[in-house]
Protein backbone atom coordinates (compact mmCIF):
# COMPACT_ATOMS: atom_id res chain seq x y z
CA MET A 1 -60.26 -10.82 8.49
CA ALA A 2 -61.22 -9.61 11.96
CA LYS A 3 -59.05 -6.87 13.45
CA LEU A 4 -57.14 -7.61 16.61
CA PRO A 5 -58.00 -5.56 19.67
CA ARG A 6 -55.75 -2.56 20.11
CA LEU A 7 -53.79 -4.07 23.03
CA ARG A 8 -53.22 -7.33 21.16
CA ARG A 9 -52.10 -5.38 18.09
CA ARG A 10 -49.56 -3.54 20.21
CA GLN A 11 -48.38 -6.79 21.76
CA ALA A 12 -48.04 -8.42 18.32
CA PHE A 13 -46.11 -5.42 17.00
CA ALA A 14 -43.79 -5.45 20.01
CA ALA A 15 -43.19 -9.17 19.63
CA GLY A 16 -42.44 -8.76 15.92
CA ALA A 17 -40.12 -5.82 16.56
CA SER A 18 -38.38 -7.77 19.30
CA ALA A 19 -37.89 -10.74 16.98
CA GLY A 20 -36.58 -8.44 14.27
CA PHE A 21 -34.18 -6.81 16.71
CA VAL A 22 -32.91 -10.18 17.87
CA THR A 23 -32.40 -11.23 14.25
CA LEU A 24 -30.52 -8.04 13.39
CA PHE A 25 -28.50 -8.29 16.58
CA SER A 26 -27.57 -11.88 15.72
CA ILE A 27 -26.50 -10.85 12.20
CA GLY A 28 -24.42 -8.01 13.65
CA ARG A 29 -22.77 -10.40 16.07
CA ALA A 30 -22.07 -12.86 13.26
CA ARG A 31 -20.42 -10.16 11.20
CA ALA A 32 -18.27 -9.05 14.13
CA ALA A 33 -17.27 -12.55 15.19
CA ALA A 34 -13.48 -12.89 15.17
CA PRO A 35 -12.19 -14.96 12.26
CA SER A 36 -10.30 -18.16 13.01
CA SER A 37 -7.55 -17.15 10.58
CA ILE A 38 -6.42 -14.08 8.68
CA THR A 39 -4.07 -13.46 5.77
CA ILE A 40 -1.76 -10.48 5.51
CA ASP A 41 0.84 -9.65 2.90
CA TYR A 42 4.59 -9.26 2.90
CA ALA A 43 6.66 -7.48 0.29
CA TYR A 44 10.32 -7.01 -0.57
CA TYR A 45 9.75 -3.24 -0.67
CA SER A 46 8.44 -3.45 2.92
CA PRO A 47 11.26 -4.62 5.25
CA LEU A 48 9.01 -4.35 8.30
CA SER A 49 6.74 -7.03 6.86
CA LEU A 50 9.78 -9.27 6.41
CA VAL A 51 10.81 -8.76 10.03
CA LEU A 52 7.33 -9.78 11.14
CA LYS A 53 7.20 -12.79 8.84
CA ASN A 54 10.55 -13.98 10.20
CA ASN A 55 9.36 -13.71 13.79
CA ASN A 56 6.23 -14.70 15.62
CA TRP A 57 5.23 -11.19 16.65
CA VAL A 58 1.94 -11.04 14.75
CA GLN A 59 0.79 -14.32 16.27
CA GLU A 60 1.90 -13.14 19.71
CA ALA A 61 -0.11 -9.92 19.29
CA LEU A 62 -3.25 -11.75 18.15
CA GLY A 63 -3.08 -14.60 20.64
CA PRO A 64 -3.85 -18.27 20.05
CA GLY A 65 -7.41 -17.90 18.73
CA ILE A 66 -6.47 -16.58 15.27
CA SER A 67 -3.94 -18.18 12.94
CA VAL A 68 -1.90 -16.05 10.54
CA ASN A 69 -1.20 -16.71 6.85
CA TRP A 70 1.18 -14.73 4.62
CA VAL A 71 1.05 -13.94 0.90
CA LEU A 72 3.65 -12.14 -1.23
CA SER A 73 2.68 -8.84 -2.89
CA GLN A 74 4.86 -7.95 -5.88
CA GLY A 75 3.64 -4.34 -5.87
CA SER A 76 0.91 -2.00 -4.62
CA ASN A 77 -1.33 -3.14 -7.45
CA LYS A 78 -1.18 -6.73 -6.19
CA ALA A 79 -1.74 -5.79 -2.54
CA LEU A 80 -4.80 -3.73 -3.46
CA GLU A 81 -6.04 -6.45 -5.79
CA PHE A 82 -5.89 -8.88 -2.87
CA LEU A 83 -7.86 -6.41 -0.73
CA ARG A 84 -10.49 -5.94 -3.43
CA GLY A 85 -10.92 -9.70 -3.55
CA ARG A 86 -10.93 -9.95 0.27
CA SER A 87 -8.12 -12.53 0.19
CA ILE A 88 -6.09 -10.46 2.68
CA VAL A 89 -7.11 -8.20 5.54
CA LEU A 90 -3.99 -6.01 5.60
CA GLY A 91 -1.68 -5.09 2.73
CA SER A 92 1.29 -2.82 2.03
CA ALA A 93 0.79 -0.25 -0.74
CA ALA A 94 1.75 3.24 -1.80
CA GLY A 95 -0.35 6.13 -0.58
CA SER A 96 -0.95 7.21 -4.18
CA ALA A 97 -2.23 3.77 -5.19
CA THR A 98 -4.44 3.59 -2.10
CA LEU A 99 -5.99 6.95 -2.97
CA LEU A 100 -6.67 5.85 -6.55
CA THR A 101 -8.27 2.64 -5.32
CA ARG A 102 -10.58 4.45 -2.90
CA ALA A 103 -11.43 7.21 -5.37
CA THR A 104 -12.53 4.63 -7.93
CA GLY A 105 -14.86 2.72 -5.66
CA THR A 106 -13.07 0.31 -3.32
CA PRO A 107 -13.53 1.37 0.34
CA VAL A 108 -10.00 1.06 1.71
CA GLN A 109 -8.11 3.12 4.24
CA ALA A 110 -4.50 3.64 5.26
CA VAL A 111 -4.08 2.72 8.91
CA TYR A 112 -0.29 2.91 9.34
CA VAL A 113 2.82 4.22 7.57
CA ASN A 114 5.37 1.50 6.77
CA ASP A 115 8.01 3.94 5.61
CA LEU A 116 8.52 7.23 3.80
CA SER A 117 11.42 6.44 1.53
CA GLU A 118 13.02 6.86 -1.86
CA THR A 119 11.94 3.48 -3.17
CA THR A 120 11.46 4.59 -6.77
CA ALA A 121 13.28 6.54 -9.50
CA LEU A 122 13.49 6.53 -13.28
CA VAL A 123 16.19 4.17 -14.54
CA ALA A 124 18.07 3.84 -17.85
CA LYS A 125 21.21 2.28 -19.22
CA ALA A 126 24.36 4.29 -18.60
CA ARG A 127 24.92 4.84 -22.34
CA SER A 128 21.30 5.42 -23.29
CA GLY A 129 21.66 9.18 -23.65
CA ILE A 130 18.57 9.64 -21.46
CA LYS A 131 19.30 12.34 -18.90
CA THR A 132 15.94 13.86 -17.97
CA PRO A 133 12.23 12.96 -18.12
CA ALA A 134 11.95 15.17 -21.21
CA ASP A 135 14.22 12.71 -23.01
CA LEU A 136 11.55 10.01 -22.65
CA LYS A 137 9.42 11.48 -25.43
CA GLY A 138 8.83 8.74 -27.99
CA LYS A 139 10.71 6.19 -25.88
CA ARG A 140 9.60 2.78 -24.59
CA VAL A 141 9.19 2.92 -20.81
CA ALA A 142 8.35 0.00 -18.53
CA ALA A 143 6.18 0.61 -15.48
CA THR A 144 3.61 -1.16 -13.32
CA PRO A 145 0.25 0.69 -13.43
CA GLY A 146 -1.36 1.15 -10.05
CA THR A 147 1.92 1.51 -8.15
CA GLU A 148 4.11 4.31 -6.78
CA PRO A 149 6.69 4.00 -9.61
CA TYR A 150 3.88 4.52 -12.12
CA ALA A 151 2.61 7.57 -10.22
CA PHE A 152 6.20 8.83 -10.02
CA LEU A 153 6.56 8.42 -13.80
CA LEU A 154 3.35 10.40 -14.40
CA ARG A 155 4.54 13.18 -12.08
CA ALA A 156 7.95 13.30 -13.81
CA LEU A 157 6.35 13.45 -17.26
CA SER A 158 3.96 16.18 -16.14
CA ASP A 159 6.83 18.29 -14.82
CA ALA A 160 8.48 17.91 -18.24
CA GLN A 161 5.26 19.05 -19.96
CA LEU A 162 4.60 15.52 -21.22
CA THR A 163 1.93 12.87 -20.61
CA VAL A 164 1.87 9.10 -20.83
CA ASN A 165 0.63 9.54 -24.41
CA ASP A 166 4.03 10.99 -25.32
CA ILE A 167 5.81 7.72 -24.50
CA SER A 168 5.28 4.08 -25.38
CA LEU A 169 4.24 2.60 -22.06
CA VAL A 170 5.11 -1.07 -21.54
CA PRO A 171 3.06 -2.34 -18.57
CA LEU A 172 5.12 -4.92 -16.68
CA GLN A 173 5.35 -6.04 -13.07
CA HIS A 174 8.45 -4.58 -11.39
CA PRO A 175 10.98 -7.44 -11.79
CA LEU A 176 9.91 -7.95 -15.40
CA GLY A 177 10.43 -4.24 -16.05
CA ARG A 178 13.99 -4.52 -14.83
CA ALA A 179 14.53 -7.60 -17.02
CA ALA A 180 13.13 -5.75 -20.04
CA LEU A 181 15.62 -2.93 -19.45
CA ASP A 182 18.43 -5.48 -19.19
CA ARG A 183 17.48 -6.99 -22.56
CA GLY A 184 17.07 -3.64 -24.25
CA ASP A 185 13.35 -4.22 -24.83
CA VAL A 186 12.63 -0.83 -23.25
CA ASP A 187 14.61 2.40 -23.09
CA ALA A 188 13.76 3.23 -19.47
CA TRP A 189 12.02 1.82 -16.46
CA ALA A 190 10.12 3.27 -13.51
CA GLY A 191 12.07 1.31 -10.93
CA LEU A 192 11.28 -0.11 -7.52
CA ASP A 193 13.65 -1.44 -4.88
CA PRO A 194 15.13 -3.99 -4.44
CA PHE A 195 15.17 -4.51 -8.22
CA MET A 196 16.33 -0.93 -8.74
CA ALA A 197 19.28 -1.44 -6.39
CA GLU A 198 20.12 -4.65 -8.28
CA ALA A 199 20.12 -2.74 -11.56
CA GLN A 200 22.49 -0.13 -10.14
CA LEU A 201 25.01 -2.52 -8.65
CA GLN A 202 24.89 -5.41 -11.10
CA ASN A 203 24.39 -3.60 -14.42
CA HIS A 204 25.56 -0.08 -13.52
CA ASP A 205 22.23 1.32 -14.65
CA VAL A 206 21.64 4.99 -13.87
CA LEU A 207 18.88 6.56 -11.80
CA PHE A 208 18.58 9.50 -14.17
CA TYR A 209 15.64 11.12 -12.39
CA ARG A 210 15.29 11.18 -8.61
CA ASN A 211 12.83 13.26 -6.62
CA PRO A 212 12.14 11.89 -3.12
CA GLY A 213 9.97 14.89 -2.29
CA ILE A 214 7.07 13.73 -4.50
CA ILE A 215 7.04 10.07 -3.39
CA THR A 216 4.02 9.20 -1.25
CA PRO A 217 4.27 7.17 1.97
CA ASN A 218 4.12 3.41 1.84
CA VAL A 219 1.13 2.51 4.00
CA LEU A 220 -0.69 -0.44 5.50
CA VAL A 221 -4.14 -0.70 3.97
CA ALA A 222 -7.34 -2.40 5.18
CA ARG A 223 -10.92 -2.42 3.96
CA ASP A 224 -13.36 -0.12 5.75
CA ASP A 225 -15.71 -2.97 6.62
CA PHE A 226 -12.94 -5.04 8.24
CA VAL A 227 -11.77 -2.05 10.28
CA GLN A 228 -15.33 -1.39 11.45
CA ALA A 229 -16.06 -5.04 12.27
CA HIS A 230 -12.71 -5.90 13.86
CA PRO A 231 -10.97 -2.76 15.17
CA GLU A 232 -9.17 -4.68 17.92
CA ILE A 233 -7.68 -7.14 15.43
CA VAL A 234 -6.44 -4.22 13.32
CA PHE A 235 -4.97 -2.58 16.41
CA LYS A 236 -3.17 -5.77 17.43
CA LEU A 237 -1.73 -6.14 13.92
CA LEU A 238 -0.44 -2.59 14.13
CA GLN A 239 1.02 -3.24 17.55
CA ALA A 240 3.10 -5.96 15.89
CA TYR A 241 4.14 -3.54 13.13
CA GLU A 242 5.06 -0.93 15.71
CA ARG A 243 7.26 -3.53 17.41
CA ALA A 244 8.96 -4.20 14.05
CA ARG A 245 9.38 -0.47 13.39
CA ARG A 246 11.08 0.11 16.72
CA PHE A 247 13.28 -2.91 16.10
CA ALA A 248 14.30 -1.44 12.73
CA LEU A 249 15.13 1.92 14.29
CA GLU A 250 17.19 0.36 17.06
CA ASN A 251 18.87 -2.34 14.93
CA PRO A 252 19.25 -0.98 11.38
CA GLN A 253 22.00 -3.42 10.40
CA ALA A 254 19.83 -6.37 11.47
CA LEU A 255 17.50 -5.59 8.56
CA VAL A 256 20.19 -6.36 5.97
CA PRO A 257 20.29 -10.16 6.38
CA VAL A 258 16.50 -10.27 6.79
CA LEU A 259 15.96 -8.53 3.43
CA ALA A 260 18.79 -10.35 1.68
CA GLN A 261 17.52 -13.77 2.70
CA ALA A 262 13.82 -13.10 2.05
CA ALA A 263 14.34 -11.59 -1.40
CA ASN A 264 17.34 -13.78 -2.30
CA LEU A 265 19.53 -10.69 -2.71
CA PRO A 266 23.26 -10.13 -2.43
CA VAL A 267 24.07 -8.32 0.80
CA ASP A 268 25.27 -5.18 -0.99
CA VAL A 269 21.94 -4.88 -2.83
CA ALA A 270 20.01 -5.17 0.43
CA GLN A 271 22.29 -2.58 2.02
CA LEU A 272 21.75 -0.12 -0.83
CA GLN A 273 17.98 -0.48 -0.67
CA LEU A 274 17.97 0.11 3.07
CA THR A 275 19.99 3.32 2.75
CA ARG A 276 16.94 4.72 0.97
CA GLN A 277 14.33 3.53 3.48
CA HIS A 278 13.34 5.33 6.66
CA PHE A 279 10.99 4.27 9.44
CA ASP A 280 10.74 7.47 11.46
CA ILE A 281 6.97 7.95 11.25
CA SER A 282 3.99 5.65 11.65
CA GLN A 283 1.08 7.86 10.64
CA ILE A 284 0.19 9.99 7.64
CA ASN A 285 1.22 13.50 8.61
CA ALA A 286 0.50 16.80 6.85
CA ASP A 287 3.40 16.31 4.43
CA GLY A 288 2.22 12.81 3.53
CA ARG A 289 -1.32 14.03 2.95
CA ALA A 290 -0.05 16.84 0.72
CA ARG A 291 2.01 14.41 -1.39
CA ILE A 292 -0.95 12.05 -1.80
CA ALA A 293 -3.31 14.90 -2.67
CA ALA A 294 -0.90 16.30 -5.28
CA THR A 295 -0.64 12.94 -7.00
CA GLY A 296 -4.41 12.49 -6.78
CA THR A 297 -4.94 15.86 -8.46
CA LEU A 298 -2.71 14.73 -11.33
CA PHE A 299 -4.60 11.43 -11.56
CA GLN A 300 -7.82 13.41 -11.89
CA LYS A 301 -6.34 15.68 -14.54
CA LEU A 302 -5.35 12.59 -16.53
CA GLY A 303 -8.82 11.08 -16.21
CA LEU A 304 -7.85 8.27 -13.83
CA ILE A 305 -10.13 9.70 -11.12
CA PRO A 306 -13.65 10.92 -12.07
CA ALA A 307 -14.00 14.68 -12.37
CA ASN A 308 -16.80 14.82 -9.77
CA VAL A 309 -14.62 13.32 -7.02
CA ASP A 310 -13.23 15.70 -4.39
CA VAL A 311 -9.65 14.50 -4.08
CA GLN A 312 -8.98 16.18 -0.74
CA THR A 313 -12.09 14.58 0.76
CA VAL A 314 -10.89 11.16 -0.38
CA VAL A 315 -7.47 11.83 1.18
CA ASP A 316 -9.15 12.75 4.47
CA GLN A 317 -11.33 9.63 4.33
CA MET A 318 -8.48 7.23 3.60
CA ALA A 319 -5.89 8.66 6.00
CA ASP A 320 -7.06 7.04 9.23
CA ASN A 321 -4.86 7.87 12.22
CA GLN A 322 -7.15 6.48 14.94
CA PHE A 323 -4.95 3.44 15.51
CA THR A 324 -1.60 5.20 15.33
CA GLY A 325 -2.97 7.72 17.81
CA ARG A 326 -3.69 4.86 20.20
CA LEU A 327 -0.23 3.43 19.62
CA ALA A 328 1.38 6.79 20.37
CA ASN A 329 -0.57 6.99 23.62
CA GLY A 330 0.63 3.55 24.69
């Protein structure tokens, strides 16, 4: 085959490169095109999500071009499962569960703090004789793997010089764990509000181990690729959450009927849950990072995170404050 003259070769190369650039540019634009609809989650452990679902603030923030769908998350494990499957773009999950998810291969990041609250404790029947985590040795304990209550249980056992191998773990979603405790199918339960508040008020169950200082922040989580492709959509979603957070701070009693109605709870149960929830911060601060890192270190010690993973690096990668910084600056 005859060679092209040098000038024609250069022209052909330039034309091919230009065509390739146009193709790549078109693909990039297609990836960044705004979706016509998005799905985000709501959860009974996240009152701010309930406020938003009850109002039209998310739609107002996004404008008319994008419709909003809602799906219920029963726990952090479900929210992160939805994110892994790309069925939602924003979910509410514990900082500890988000770290575990990222450390084991799913590129997610925490873009906002929903609350830093005492939403979990270890629960037993009043007459069970269980007084401390050490008393759980050999006992049947219900918990939901991949959630903050599960991480809290592991931390409590570790502090008592025990591991999950020293108990009989019964993996159940949160409301089923409470039901199992009611029936006597388990001896203890790693509780989560509002079901924990129900157990206290309706059955007089006891929160025999409480330690708010080790609970990680509840955060809003998105996939890295969605954040990179649609940063303005993420920012608008967080603007709506910031509106809900300020509403909660200014109108704390208004949250009670919102939670009670959404979760079909008696008013006193909703009130008790809300006494344990605080909405003072919106970004992962140094204390939040330290709590997440401490739990991640325990996860690694127990083999839940590979030994070659640098936990602190993962914390730094997942704790994204770029959007909350923008919110703080107006």
